[in-house]
Amino acid sequence: MQLRRVILFVWIACFSGFYATAQDAAFSQFYANPMYLNPAFAGNTECGRLNLNYRNQWPAVSNAYVTYSLAYDQSLAAINSGYGLMFMNDQQGDGAYNRTAINAYYSYQLRLTSSTNLSFGVRGAYYQEKLAWEKLIFADQIDVANGIIHDQSLETKPDNNKVSAVDFGAGLLFGYEDAFFAGVAADHLTQPQLGFYETESIPLDLKLTVHAGAVINLSQGGFGNYDYSDITVQPNVMFVNQGIFSQVNAGVYVNMYPFVFGGWFRHAFENVDAAMLLVGINYNNFRIGYSYDFTLSQIGANTGGAHEISLAWDFCILKSPKKRMIRTINAPGF
C-alpha cells in the first residue's frame, strides 16, 4: 500500500504538475467562484461581493491538489458595469508545482427587454509558475522491490524553475427574469507558453465553458418569481473543454431558506469521474458552503475524494438614495 501511494504521488507530482500544465484548477462549487467560471459574472451583484474558496483534492495522497482563491467584485451601476479582482494559488504534488495567478475583470450589463439581460465580461491575468525540482520523484529513483526512494535521478533539470505569462479571457451571460440563465466563456485566448524547458512548447490550452440553469418554484409553481421563503429547485448543467480533455457536470440545488443542498455528477466522457454532495447556508448577506467529491474513477477511493469550502459576503461600501440599482442575472450561490 505504501509503494502504491509513492507511485501515485510520482504520477501526480511528475506528470500532472510537471508535463500536463495545460489544465486549470477545477472547483465543484462553480458558482461560489463566479468570476472564475465566467468573467461576465463580474459585478453581478447589487453592491460589493467578497469570495473565498478552498479546495483539497485527493488529500490522502500527500495533498495532491490544493487550491485557494480570494476574489472581490463590485457593481458600477451608474455605467451599467462591474469590475473584479482575484488572487489564486494552485499547488500540486505537495507543493512540487505551484501556479499563482492575479486576475482583473470588467463586465458590461445590457438590458435587452424588460425581462432579459445580457452581460459581457473580459479578464486579464498574470501567471507565475514555479517548480520545486527537489520535491519531484521519478521512476528511476524507486526500488520497486522494497519501495525505497533513492536521492539521485537521471532526469534532466529544466532550464528554468520559474516562468510567467500574461493571459486573457472573455465571456457572455444571458438571463431571463429570475427563472433562467445561460453563459459561455473562453479562457486563455492567447494560449501563453508555460513550459520549463526552452526547447518544448507547453501552451496553456484554450478552455471553453458552457453553463446553464433554471429555477423551479415548488412553493408557488412555475419557474422563477420566488422569494426567500419559497422552496425552489435549481437544475444546472456545465460543459468544459480544454485541449484533449472534456467533461460534463450535471446536478441540482434545493433551496430551503436558509439551507441549500446540492448533488452533482461529473463525467469526463472517457470515464466516470465523481459524484459531489453540497450543504450550504445562505443567510442575509452571508453564504458558507461545504462539498465533498466521491471519487468514482479508476484511481479509486484511497485518494480521499475532495473537500471544498466556500465563504461569501455581499455588502455595500457606499450607500446613496440616488444610487441606481444594477439589474443582476440570477444564478446559484454555490
C-alpha atoms as a PDB file:
ATOM      1  CA  MET A   1       0.000   0.000   0.000  1.00  0.00           C
ATOM      2  CA  GLN A   2       2.855   2.388   0.841  1.00  0.00           C
ATOM      3  CA  LEU A   3       4.508   1.671  -2.515  1.00  0.00           C
ATOM      4  CA  ARG A   4       1.181   2.272  -4.266  1.00  0.00           C
ATOM      5  CA  ARG A   5       0.919   5.686  -2.611  1.00  0.00           C
ATOM      6  CA  VAL A   6       4.502   6.523  -3.614  1.00  0.00           C
ATOM      7  CA  ILE A   7       3.881   5.591  -7.271  1.00  0.00           C
ATOM      8  CA  LEU A   8       0.653   7.568  -7.309  1.00  0.00           C
ATOM      9  CA  PHE A   9       2.470  10.582  -5.859  1.00  0.00           C
ATOM     10  CA  VAL A  10       5.106  10.268  -8.565  1.00  0.00           C
ATOM     11  CA  TRP A  11       2.375  10.373 -11.216  1.00  0.00           C
ATOM     12  CA  ILE A  12       0.753  13.434  -9.664  1.00  0.00           C
ATOM     13  CA  ALA A  13       3.889  15.425  -8.896  1.00  0.00           C
ATOM     14  CA  CYS A  14       5.786  14.490 -12.014  1.00  0.00           C
ATOM     15  CA  PHE A  15       3.198  14.018 -14.744  1.00  0.00           C
ATOM     16  CA  SER A  16       0.199  16.129 -13.741  1.00  0.00           C
ATOM     17  CA  GLY A  17       2.107  19.032 -12.307  1.00  0.00           C
ATOM     18  CA  PHE A  18       5.189  18.936 -14.495  1.00  0.00           C
ATOM     19  CA  TYR A  19       4.203  17.925 -18.012  1.00  0.00           C
ATOM     20  CA  ALA A  20       0.429  18.470 -18.192  1.00  0.00           C
ATOM     21  CA  THR A  21       0.493  22.176 -17.437  1.00  0.00           C
ATOM     22  CA  ALA A  22      -2.300  22.810 -19.942  1.00  0.00           C
ATOM     23  CA  GLN A  23      -5.179  22.292 -17.489  1.00  0.00           C
ATOM     24  CA  ASP A  24      -6.677  24.668 -14.959  1.00  0.00           C
ATOM     25  CA  ALA A  25      -7.722  24.125 -11.383  1.00  0.00           C
ATOM     26  CA  ALA A  26     -11.307  22.877 -11.032  1.00  0.00           C
ATOM     27  CA  PHE A  27     -13.965  23.661  -8.437  1.00  0.00           C
ATOM     28  CA  SER A  28     -17.056  21.647  -7.558  1.00  0.00           C
ATOM     29  CA  GLN A  29     -18.840  24.728  -6.185  1.00  0.00           C
ATOM     30  CA  PHE A  30     -18.740  26.507  -9.544  1.00  0.00           C
ATOM     31  CA  TYR A  31     -20.986  29.443  -8.674  1.00  0.00           C
ATOM     32  CA  ALA A  32     -19.256  30.096  -5.353  1.00  0.00           C
ATOM     33  CA  ASN A  33     -16.367  31.343  -7.508  1.00  0.00           C
ATOM     34  CA  PRO A  34     -18.414  33.084 -10.220  1.00  0.00           C
ATOM     35  CA  MET A  35     -15.752  35.147 -11.996  1.00  0.00           C
ATOM     36  CA  TYR A  36     -13.528  32.090 -12.347  1.00  0.00           C
ATOM     37  CA  LEU A  37     -16.425  30.349 -14.073  1.00  0.00           C
ATOM     38  CA  ASN A  38     -17.288  33.263 -16.368  1.00  0.00           C
ATOM     39  CA  PRO A  39     -15.844  36.829 -16.492  1.00  0.00           C
ATOM     40  CA  ALA A  40     -19.343  38.121 -17.285  1.00  0.00           C
ATOM     41  CA  PHE A  41     -20.267  37.486 -13.618  1.00  0.00           C
ATOM     42  CA  ALA A  42     -18.002  40.373 -12.539  1.00  0.00           C
ATOM     43  CA  GLY A  43     -20.137  42.935 -10.732  1.00  0.00           C
ATOM     44  CA  ASN A  44     -23.250  40.753 -10.956  1.00  0.00           C
ATOM     45  CA  THR A  45     -24.260  41.951  -7.504  1.00  0.00           C
ATOM     46  CA  GLU A  46     -26.151  44.964  -6.205  1.00  0.00           C
ATOM     47  CA  CYS A  47     -23.208  46.065  -4.057  1.00  0.00           C
ATOM     48  CA  GLY A  48     -19.809  44.513  -3.357  1.00  0.00           C
ATOM     49  CA  ARG A  49     -19.011  40.814  -3.059  1.00  0.00           C
ATOM     50  CA  LEU A  50     -16.128  39.020  -1.361  1.00  0.00           C
ATOM     51  CA  ASN A  51     -15.490  35.333  -2.133  1.00  0.00           C
ATOM     52  CA  LEU A  52     -13.036  32.929  -0.516  1.00  0.00           C
ATOM     53  CA  ASN A  53     -12.579  29.380  -1.797  1.00  0.00           C
ATOM     54  CA  TYR A  54     -10.506  26.428  -0.655  1.00  0.00           C
ATOM     55  CA  ARG A  55     -10.264  23.018  -2.316  1.00  0.00           C
ATOM     56  CA  ASN A  56      -8.195  19.981  -1.275  1.00  0.00           C
ATOM     57  CA  GLN A  57      -8.389  17.203  -3.853  1.00  0.00           C
ATOM     58  CA  TRP A  58      -7.053  13.726  -3.059  1.00  0.00           C
ATOM     59  CA  PRO A  59      -5.799  14.669   0.440  1.00  0.00           C
ATOM     60  CA  ALA A  60      -4.817  11.054   1.172  1.00  0.00           C
ATOM     61  CA  VAL A  61      -2.109  11.287  -1.500  1.00  0.00           C
ATOM     62  CA  SER A  62       0.266  13.838   0.058  1.00  0.00           C
ATOM     63  CA  ASN A  63      -2.038  16.811  -0.679  1.00  0.00           C
ATOM     64  CA  ALA A  64      -2.075  16.177  -4.412  1.00  0.00           C
ATOM     65  CA  TYR A  65      -4.040  19.292  -5.430  1.00  0.00           C
ATOM     66  CA  VAL A  66      -4.657  22.232  -3.070  1.00  0.00           C
ATOM     67  CA  THR A  67      -6.232  25.408  -4.437  1.00  0.00           C
ATOM     68  CA  TYR A  68      -7.004  28.766  -2.786  1.00  0.00           C
ATOM     69  CA  SER A  69      -8.699  31.822  -4.215  1.00  0.00           C
ATOM     70  CA  LEU A  70      -9.683  35.244  -2.907  1.00  0.00           C
ATOM     71  CA  ALA A  71     -11.879  37.498  -5.049  1.00  0.00           C
ATOM     72  CA  TYR A  72     -13.716  40.789  -4.821  1.00  0.00           C
ATOM     73  CA  ASP A  73     -16.106  42.311  -7.335  1.00  0.00           C
ATOM     74  CA  GLN A  74     -18.261  45.420  -7.340  1.00  0.00           C
ATOM     75  CA  SER A  75     -21.061  46.773  -9.476  1.00  0.00           C
ATOM     76  CA  LEU A  76     -20.789  50.195 -11.126  1.00  0.00           C
ATOM     77  CA  ALA A  77     -24.496  50.801 -11.568  1.00  0.00           C
ATOM     78  CA  ALA A  78     -24.120  54.342 -12.940  1.00  0.00           C
ATOM     79  CA  ILE A  79     -22.416  52.991 -16.062  1.00  0.00           C
ATOM     80  CA  ASN A  80     -24.066  49.527 -16.182  1.00  0.00           C
ATOM     81  CA  SER A  81     -20.728  47.898 -15.448  1.00  0.00           C
ATOM     82  CA  GLY A  82     -18.839  45.849 -12.919  1.00  0.00           C
ATOM     83  CA  TYR A  83     -15.231  45.073 -12.057  1.00  0.00           C
ATOM     84  CA  GLY A  84     -13.390  42.463 -10.051  1.00  0.00           C
ATOM     85  CA  LEU A  85     -10.012  41.261  -8.807  1.00  0.00           C
ATOM     86  CA  MET A  86      -8.936  37.726  -7.961  1.00  0.00           C
ATOM     87  CA  PHE A  87      -5.857  36.092  -6.460  1.00  0.00           C
ATOM     88  CA  MET A  88      -5.492  32.337  -6.930  1.00  0.00           C
ATOM     89  CA  ASN A  89      -2.860  29.811  -5.909  1.00  0.00           C
ATOM     90  CA  ASP A  90      -2.822  26.195  -7.096  1.00  0.00           C
ATOM     91  CA  GLN A  91      -0.363  23.734  -5.559  1.00  0.00           C
ATOM     92  CA  GLN A  92       0.172  20.229  -6.957  1.00  0.00           C
ATOM     93  CA  GLY A  93       2.221  17.298  -5.745  1.00  0.00           C
ATOM     94  CA  ASP A  94       2.561  18.634  -2.177  1.00  0.00           C
ATOM     95  CA  GLY A  95       3.974  21.906  -3.490  1.00  0.00           C
ATOM     96  CA  ALA A  96       6.256  20.472  -6.180  1.00  0.00           C
ATOM     97  CA  TYR A  97       4.366  22.513  -8.755  1.00  0.00           C
ATOM     98  CA  ASN A  98       2.919  25.899  -7.874  1.00  0.00           C
ATOM     99  CA  ARG A  99       0.858  28.267 -10.039  1.00  0.00           C
ATOM    100  CA  THR A 100      -0.110  31.761  -8.872  1.00  0.00           C
ATOM    101  CA  ALA A 101      -2.465  33.992 -10.847  1.00  0.00           C
ATOM    102  CA  ILE A 102      -3.612  37.585 -10.416  1.00  0.00           C
ATOM    103  CA  ASN A 103      -6.757  38.361 -12.419  1.00  0.00           C
ATOM    104  CA  ALA A 104      -8.576  41.600 -13.253  1.00  0.00           C
ATOM    105  CA  TYR A 105     -12.149  41.645 -14.612  1.00  0.00           C
ATOM    106  CA  TYR A 106     -14.535  44.077 -16.269  1.00  0.00           C
ATOM    107  CA  SER A 107     -18.120  43.498 -17.396  1.00  0.00           C
ATOM    108  CA  TYR A 108     -20.859  45.500 -19.061  1.00  0.00           C
ATOM    109  CA  GLN A 109     -24.562  44.764 -18.482  1.00  0.00           C
ATOM    110  CA  LEU A 110     -27.123  45.419 -21.206  1.00  0.00           C
ATOM    111  CA  ARG A 111     -30.878  45.320 -20.639  1.00  0.00           C
ATOM    112  CA  LEU A 112     -32.354  43.780 -23.791  1.00  0.00           C
ATOM    113  CA  THR A 113     -36.027  43.870 -22.756  1.00  0.00           C
ATOM    114  CA  SER A 114     -37.969  44.282 -19.538  1.00  0.00           C
ATOM    115  CA  SER A 115     -37.387  40.557 -18.886  1.00  0.00           C
ATOM    116  CA  THR A 116     -33.989  39.787 -20.399  1.00  0.00           C
ATOM    117  CA  ASN A 117     -30.431  40.903 -19.676  1.00  0.00           C
ATOM    118  CA  LEU A 118     -27.087  40.299 -21.309  1.00  0.00           C
ATOM    119  CA  SER A 119     -23.663  40.717 -19.721  1.00  0.00           C
ATOM    120  CA  PHE A 120     -20.275  40.700 -21.456  1.00  0.00           C
ATOM    121  CA  GLY A 121     -17.068  40.304 -19.463  1.00  0.00           C
ATOM    122  CA  VAL A 122     -13.320  40.253 -20.083  1.00  0.00           C
ATOM    123  CA  ARG A 123     -10.397  39.026 -17.999  1.00  0.00           C
ATOM    124  CA  GLY A 124      -6.720  39.885 -17.943  1.00  0.00           C
ATOM    125  CA  ALA A 125      -4.349  37.696 -15.925  1.00  0.00           C
ATOM    126  CA  TYR A 126      -0.709  37.403 -14.919  1.00  0.00           C
ATOM    127  CA  TYR A 127       0.548  33.866 -14.272  1.00  0.00           C
ATOM    128  CA  GLN A 128       3.667  32.720 -12.479  1.00  0.00           C
ATOM    129  CA  GLU A 129       4.598  29.045 -12.201  1.00  0.00           C
ATOM    130  CA  LYS A 130       7.302  27.554 -10.014  1.00  0.00           C
ATOM    131  CA  LEU A 131       8.798  24.074  -9.976  1.00  0.00           C
ATOM    132  CA  ALA A 132      10.408  22.662  -6.812  1.00  0.00           C
ATOM    133  CA  TRP A 133      12.684  20.129  -8.511  1.00  0.00           C
ATOM    134  CA  GLU A 134      13.903  18.672  -5.210  1.00  0.00           C
ATOM    135  CA  LYS A 135      10.360  17.521  -4.386  1.00  0.00           C
ATOM    136  CA  LEU A 136       9.883  15.528  -7.585  1.00  0.00           C
ATOM    137  CA  ILE A 137      10.253  11.751  -7.516  1.00  0.00           C
ATOM    138  CA  PHE A 138      10.985   9.929 -10.785  1.00  0.00           C
ATOM    139  CA  ALA A 139      10.628   6.265 -11.692  1.00  0.00           C
ATOM    140  CA  ASP A 140      14.395   5.623 -11.715  1.00  0.00           C
ATOM    141  CA  GLN A 141      14.581   6.670  -8.042  1.00  0.00           C
ATOM    142  CA  ILE A 142      12.214   3.937  -6.843  1.00  0.00           C
ATOM    143  CA  ASP A 143      13.323   0.453  -5.892  1.00  0.00           C
ATOM    144  CA  VAL A 144      10.172  -1.477  -6.814  1.00  0.00           C
ATOM    145  CA  ALA A 145      11.223  -4.453  -4.690  1.00  0.00           C
ATOM    146  CA  ASN A 146      11.086  -2.655  -1.343  1.00  0.00           C
ATOM    147  CA  GLY A 147       9.738   0.826  -2.102  1.00  0.00           C
ATOM    148  CA  ILE A 148      12.966   2.616  -1.125  1.00  0.00           C
ATOM    149  CA  ILE A 149      13.397   6.021  -2.810  1.00  0.00           C
ATOM    150  CA  HIS A 150      16.927   6.982  -3.847  1.00  0.00           C
ATOM    151  CA  ASP A 151      18.207  10.562  -3.976  1.00  0.00           C
ATOM    152  CA  GLN A 152      19.611  10.638  -7.495  1.00  0.00           C
ATOM    153  CA  SER A 153      17.766  10.671 -10.841  1.00  0.00           C
ATOM    154  CA  LEU A 154      18.988  10.719 -14.437  1.00  0.00           C
ATOM    155  CA  GLU A 155      16.211  13.118 -15.457  1.00  0.00           C
ATOM    156  CA  THR A 156      17.459  16.441 -16.858  1.00  0.00           C
ATOM    157  CA  LYS A 157      16.699  19.518 -14.789  1.00  0.00           C
ATOM    158  CA  PRO A 158      14.705  22.221 -16.586  1.00  0.00           C
ATOM    159  CA  ASP A 159      16.252  25.380 -17.992  1.00  0.00           C
ATOM    160  CA  ASN A 160      14.087  27.471 -15.665  1.00  0.00           C
ATOM    161  CA  ASN A 161      12.245  26.626 -12.479  1.00  0.00           C
ATOM    162  CA  LYS A 162      10.089  29.749 -12.741  1.00  0.00           C
ATOM    163  CA  VAL A 163       8.060  31.009 -15.720  1.00  0.00           C
ATOM    164  CA  SER A 164       5.474  33.755 -16.135  1.00  0.00           C
ATOM    165  CA  ALA A 165       2.962  34.871 -18.759  1.00  0.00           C
ATOM    166  CA  VAL A 166       0.081  37.253 -19.462  1.00  0.00           C
ATOM    167  CA  ASP A 167      -3.294  35.814 -20.444  1.00  0.00           C
ATOM    168  CA  PHE A 168      -6.786  36.941 -21.493  1.00  0.00           C
ATOM    169  CA  GLY A 169     -10.338  35.592 -21.460  1.00  0.00           C
ATOM    170  CA  ALA A 170     -13.922  36.659 -22.189  1.00  0.00           C
ATOM    171  CA  GLY A 171     -17.475  35.551 -21.506  1.00  0.00           C
ATOM    172  CA  LEU A 172     -21.182  36.168 -22.151  1.00  0.00           C
ATOM    173  CA  LEU A 173     -24.066  35.727 -19.711  1.00  0.00           C
ATOM    174  CA  PHE A 174     -27.780  35.811 -20.537  1.00  0.00           C
ATOM    175  CA  GLY A 175     -30.622  35.972 -18.025  1.00  0.00           C
ATOM    176  CA  TYR A 176     -34.403  35.757 -18.345  1.00  0.00           C
ATOM    177  CA  GLU A 177     -36.105  37.299 -15.301  1.00  0.00           C
ATOM    178  CA  ASP A 178     -35.140  35.166 -12.270  1.00  0.00           C
ATOM    179  CA  ALA A 179     -36.128  31.922 -13.989  1.00  0.00           C
ATOM    180  CA  PHE A 180     -33.341  31.004 -16.417  1.00  0.00           C
ATOM    181  CA  PHE A 181     -29.744  31.889 -17.278  1.00  0.00           C
ATOM    182  CA  ALA A 182     -27.044  30.625 -19.631  1.00  0.00           C
ATOM    183  CA  GLY A 183     -23.434  31.554 -20.237  1.00  0.00           C
ATOM    184  CA  VAL A 184     -20.383  30.812 -22.341  1.00  0.00           C
ATOM    185  CA  ALA A 185     -16.756  31.653 -21.556  1.00  0.00           C
ATOM    186  CA  ALA A 186     -13.421  31.300 -23.344  1.00  0.00           C
ATOM    187  CA  ASP A 187     -10.215  31.379 -21.306  1.00  0.00           C
ATOM    188  CA  HIS A 188      -6.566  31.514 -22.434  1.00  0.00           C
ATOM    189  CA  LEU A 189      -7.335  33.203 -25.742  1.00  0.00           C
ATOM    190  CA  THR A 190      -3.626  33.788 -26.362  1.00  0.00           C
ATOM    191  CA  GLN A 191      -2.600  30.279 -25.181  1.00  0.00           C
ATOM    192  CA  PRO A 192       0.516  31.503 -23.331  1.00  0.00           C
ATOM    193  CA  GLN A 193       3.626  29.320 -23.091  1.00  0.00           C
ATOM    194  CA  LEU A 194       4.297  27.990 -19.595  1.00  0.00           C
ATOM    195  CA  GLY A 195       6.940  25.324 -20.235  1.00  0.00           C
ATOM    196  CA  PHE A 196      10.006  24.995 -18.029  1.00  0.00           C
ATOM    197  CA  TYR A 197      12.186  23.721 -20.898  1.00  0.00           C
ATOM    198  CA  GLU A 198      13.065  26.244 -23.597  1.00  0.00           C
ATOM    199  CA  THR A 199      13.097  23.521 -26.276  1.00  0.00           C
ATOM    200  CA  GLU A 200       9.498  22.430 -25.558  1.00  0.00           C
ATOM    201  CA  SER A 201       6.238  24.154 -26.370  1.00  0.00           C
ATOM    202  CA  ILE A 202       3.816  23.867 -23.430  1.00  0.00           C
ATOM    203  CA  PRO A 203       0.847  26.159 -24.123  1.00  0.00           C
ATOM    204  CA  LEU A 204      -1.939  26.810 -21.681  1.00  0.00           C
ATOM    205  CA  ASP A 205      -4.701  25.380 -23.850  1.00  0.00           C
ATOM    206  CA  LEU A 206      -7.845  27.287 -24.709  1.00  0.00           C
ATOM    207  CA  LYS A 207     -10.649  26.446 -22.282  1.00  0.00           C
ATOM    208  CA  LEU A 208     -14.303  26.667 -23.341  1.00  0.00           C
ATOM    209  CA  THR A 209     -17.105  26.601 -20.776  1.00  0.00           C
ATOM    210  CA  VAL A 210     -20.850  26.470 -21.409  1.00  0.00           C
ATOM    211  CA  HIS A 211     -23.250  26.543 -18.474  1.00  0.00           C
ATOM    212  CA  ALA A 212     -26.986  26.986 -17.899  1.00  0.00           C
ATOM    213  CA  GLY A 213     -29.574  26.707 -15.151  1.00  0.00           C
ATOM    214  CA  ALA A 214     -33.194  27.318 -14.224  1.00  0.00           C
ATOM    215  CA  VAL A 215     -35.262  27.911 -11.082  1.00  0.00           C
ATOM    216  CA  ILE A 216     -38.377  25.824 -10.381  1.00  0.00           C
ATOM    217  CA  ASN A 217     -40.615  27.272  -7.658  1.00  0.00           C
ATOM    218  CA  LEU A 218     -42.125  24.365  -5.717  1.00  0.00           C
ATOM    219  CA  SER A 219     -43.983  26.619  -3.292  1.00  0.00           C
ATOM    220  CA  GLN A 220     -45.896  28.660  -5.861  1.00  0.00           C
ATOM    221  CA  GLY A 221     -45.461  26.589  -9.004  1.00  0.00           C
ATOM    222  CA  GLY A 222     -43.882  27.559 -12.286  1.00  0.00           C
ATOM    223  CA  PHE A 223     -40.441  28.986 -12.987  1.00  0.00           C
ATOM    224  CA  GLY A 224     -38.810  31.794 -11.015  1.00  0.00           C
ATOM    225  CA  ASN A 225     -40.875  34.509  -9.350  1.00  0.00           C
ATOM    226  CA  TYR A 226     -39.762  33.434  -5.880  1.00  0.00           C
ATOM    227  CA  ASP A 227     -38.812  34.977  -2.566  1.00  0.00           C
ATOM    228  CA  TYR A 228     -36.532  33.739   0.188  1.00  0.00           C
ATOM    229  CA  SER A 229     -39.234  31.705   1.961  1.00  0.00           C
ATOM    230  CA  ASP A 230     -40.134  29.609  -1.118  1.00  0.00           C
ATOM    231  CA  ILE A 231     -38.745  26.133  -1.680  1.00  0.00           C
ATOM    232  CA  THR A 232     -37.001  26.080  -5.046  1.00  0.00           C
ATOM    233  CA  VAL A 233     -35.154  23.530  -7.169  1.00  0.00           C
ATOM    234  CA  GLN A 234     -32.355  24.667  -9.493  1.00  0.00           C
ATOM    235  CA  PRO A 235     -31.235  22.163 -12.158  1.00  0.00           C
ATOM    236  CA  ASN A 236     -27.905  23.093 -13.744  1.00  0.00           C
ATOM    237  CA  VAL A 237     -25.515  21.761 -16.351  1.00  0.00           C
ATOM    238  CA  MET A 238     -21.959  22.699 -17.326  1.00  0.00           C
ATOM    239  CA  PHE A 239     -19.695  21.549 -20.161  1.00  0.00           C
ATOM    240  CA  VAL A 240     -15.935  22.208 -20.160  1.00  0.00           C
ATOM    241  CA  ASN A 241     -13.358  21.520 -22.854  1.00  0.00           C
ATOM    242  CA  GLN A 242      -9.628  22.230 -22.565  1.00  0.00           C
ATOM    243  CA  GLY A 243      -7.222  20.691 -25.032  1.00  0.00           C
ATOM    244  CA  ILE A 244      -7.983  16.971 -25.291  1.00  0.00           C
ATOM    245  CA  PHE A 245      -9.916  16.993 -22.023  1.00  0.00           C
ATOM    246  CA  SER A 246     -13.719  17.387 -21.831  1.00  0.00           C
ATOM    247  CA  GLN A 247     -16.232  16.877 -19.063  1.00  0.00           C
ATOM    248  CA  VAL A 248     -19.910  17.364 -18.306  1.00  0.00           C
ATOM    249  CA  ASN A 249     -21.278  18.327 -14.897  1.00  0.00           C
ATOM    250  CA  ALA A 250     -25.000  17.922 -14.199  1.00  0.00           C
ATOM    251  CA  GLY A 251     -26.775  18.466 -10.922  1.00  0.00           C
ATOM    252  CA  VAL A 252     -29.424  20.208  -8.888  1.00  0.00           C
ATOM    253  CA  TYR A 253     -29.705  22.573  -5.920  1.00  0.00           C
ATOM    254  CA  VAL A 254     -32.593  22.538  -3.439  1.00  0.00           C
ATOM    255  CA  ASN A 255     -33.151  25.818  -1.561  1.00  0.00           C
ATOM    256  CA  MET A 256     -34.993  25.706   1.787  1.00  0.00           C
ATOM    257  CA  TYR A 257     -34.043  29.008   3.381  1.00  0.00           C
ATOM    258  CA  PRO A 258     -31.544  29.376   4.915  1.00  0.00           C
ATOM    259  CA  PHE A 259     -30.242  25.961   3.815  1.00  0.00           C
ATOM    260  CA  VAL A 260     -29.060  24.862   0.380  1.00  0.00           C
ATOM    261  CA  PHE A 261     -28.499  21.233  -0.593  1.00  0.00           C
ATOM    262  CA  GLY A 262     -26.886  20.104  -3.820  1.00  0.00           C
ATOM    263  CA  GLY A 263     -25.948  16.979  -5.711  1.00  0.00           C
ATOM    264  CA  TRP A 264     -23.786  16.782  -8.833  1.00  0.00           C
ATOM    265  CA  PHE A 265     -22.416  14.140 -11.169  1.00  0.00           C
ATOM    266  CA  ARG A 266     -19.210  14.688 -13.170  1.00  0.00           C
ATOM    267  CA  HIS A 267     -18.376  12.633 -16.259  1.00  0.00           C
ATOM    268  CA  ALA A 268     -15.163  13.006 -18.266  1.00  0.00           C
ATOM    269  CA  PHE A 269     -16.524  11.209 -21.377  1.00  0.00           C
ATOM    270  CA  GLU A 270     -13.816   8.544 -21.277  1.00  0.00           C
ATOM    271  CA  ASN A 271     -14.610   7.652 -17.661  1.00  0.00           C
ATOM    272  CA  VAL A 272     -16.940   8.430 -14.793  1.00  0.00           C
ATOM    273  CA  ASP A 273     -15.189  10.922 -12.540  1.00  0.00           C
ATOM    274  CA  ALA A 274     -17.032  11.836  -9.343  1.00  0.00           C
ATOM    275  CA  ALA A 275     -20.284  12.445  -7.503  1.00  0.00           C
ATOM    276  CA  MET A 276     -20.492  15.598  -5.363  1.00  0.00           C
ATOM    277  CA  LEU A 277     -22.668  16.482  -2.410  1.00  0.00           C
ATOM    278  CA  LEU A 278     -23.110  20.014  -1.058  1.00  0.00           C
ATOM    279  CA  VAL A 279     -24.626  21.607   2.012  1.00  0.00           C
ATOM    280  CA  GLY A 280     -24.697  25.369   2.434  1.00  0.00           C
ATOM    281  CA  ILE A 281     -26.210  28.196   4.443  1.00  0.00           C
ATOM    282  CA  ASN A 282     -27.392  31.381   2.751  1.00  0.00           C
ATOM    283  CA  TYR A 283     -28.427  33.850   5.453  1.00  0.00           C
ATOM    284  CA  ASN A 284     -28.874  37.567   4.867  1.00  0.00           C
ATOM    285  CA  ASN A 285     -25.700  38.627   3.040  1.00  0.00           C
ATOM    286  CA  PHE A 286     -23.521  35.673   4.074  1.00  0.00           C
ATOM    287  CA  ARG A 287     -23.006  32.299   2.420  1.00  0.00           C
ATOM    288  CA  ILE A 288     -20.955  29.345   3.554  1.00  0.00           C
ATOM    289  CA  GLY A 289     -20.797  26.009   1.773  1.00  0.00           C
ATOM    290  CA  TYR A 290     -19.091  22.650   2.132  1.00  0.00           C
ATOM    291  CA  SER A 291     -18.930  19.983  -0.553  1.00  0.00           C
ATOM    292  CA  TYR A 292     -17.323  16.564  -0.843  1.00  0.00           C
ATOM    293  CA  ASP A 293     -16.383  14.724  -4.037  1.00  0.00           C
ATOM    294  CA  PHE A 294     -16.749  10.939  -4.028  1.00  0.00           C
ATOM    295  CA  THR A 295     -14.154   9.586  -6.467  1.00  0.00           C
ATOM    296  CA  LEU A 296     -15.724   7.162  -8.943  1.00  0.00           C
ATOM    297  CA  SER A 297     -12.884   6.888 -11.471  1.00  0.00           C
ATOM    298  CA  GLN A 298     -10.374   4.043 -11.661  1.00  0.00           C
ATOM    299  CA  ILE A 299      -7.921   5.898  -9.466  1.00  0.00           C
ATOM    300  CA  GLY A 300     -10.066   4.676  -6.585  1.00  0.00           C
ATOM    301  CA  ALA A 301     -11.402   5.776  -3.218  1.00  0.00           C
ATOM    302  CA  ASN A 302      -7.987   5.647  -1.492  1.00  0.00           C
ATOM    303  CA  THR A 303      -7.347   9.204  -2.681  1.00  0.00           C
ATOM    304  CA  GLY A 304      -9.674  10.634  -0.023  1.00  0.00           C
ATOM    305  CA  GLY A 305     -12.007  12.345  -2.502  1.00  0.00           C
ATOM    306  CA  ALA A 306     -12.032  16.141  -2.382  1.00  0.00           C
ATOM    307  CA  HIS A 307     -13.053  18.686   0.252  1.00  0.00           C
ATOM    308  CA  GLU A 308     -14.176  22.158  -0.735  1.00  0.00           C
ATOM    309  CA  ILE A 309     -15.196  25.146   1.397  1.00  0.00           C
ATOM    310  CA  SER A 310     -16.562  28.474   0.197  1.00  0.00           C
ATOM    311  CA  LEU A 311     -17.335  31.727   2.001  1.00  0.00           C
ATOM    312  CA  ALA A 312     -19.071  34.780   0.537  1.00  0.00           C
ATOM    313  CA  TRP A 313     -20.154  38.178   1.817  1.00  0.00           C
ATOM    314  CA  ASP A 314     -22.280  40.677  -0.106  1.00  0.00           C
ATOM    315  CA  PHE A 315     -22.092  44.221   1.209  1.00  0.00           C
ATOM    316  CA  CYS A 316     -22.376  47.876   0.204  1.00  0.00           C
ATOM    317  CA  ILE A 317     -19.361  50.158   0.666  1.00  0.00           C
ATOM    318  CA  LEU A 318     -21.232  53.309  -0.341  1.00  0.00           C
ATOM    319  CA  LYS A 319     -24.927  53.955   0.151  1.00  0.00           C
ATOM    320  CA  SER A 320     -26.800  56.761  -1.583  1.00  0.00           C
ATOM    321  CA  PRO A 321     -30.522  57.402  -2.069  1.00  0.00           C
ATOM    322  CA  LYS A 322     -29.742  58.373  -5.664  1.00  0.00           C
ATOM    323  CA  LYS A 323     -27.765  55.220  -6.392  1.00  0.00           C
ATOM    324  CA  ARG A 324     -29.020  53.410  -9.473  1.00  0.00           C
ATOM    325  CA  MET A 325     -29.636  49.737  -8.750  1.00  0.00           C
ATOM    326  CA  ILE A 326     -27.979  47.325 -11.148  1.00  0.00           C
ATOM    327  CA  ARG A 327     -30.121  44.556 -12.588  1.00  0.00           C
ATOM    328  CA  THR A 328     -28.372  41.280 -11.787  1.00  0.00           C
ATOM    329  CA  ILE A 329     -28.669  37.927 -13.540  1.00  0.00           C
ATOM    330  CA  ASN A 330     -29.903  35.247 -11.177  1.00  0.00           C
ATOM    331  CA  ALA A 331     -27.539  32.300 -10.539  1.00  0.00           C
ATOM    332  CA  PRO A 332     -26.900  29.816  -7.692  1.00  0.00           C
ATOM    333  CA  GLY A 333     -24.730  30.882  -4.784  1.00  0.00           C
ATOM    334  CA  PHE A 334     -22.715  27.672  -4.763  1.00  0.00           C
END
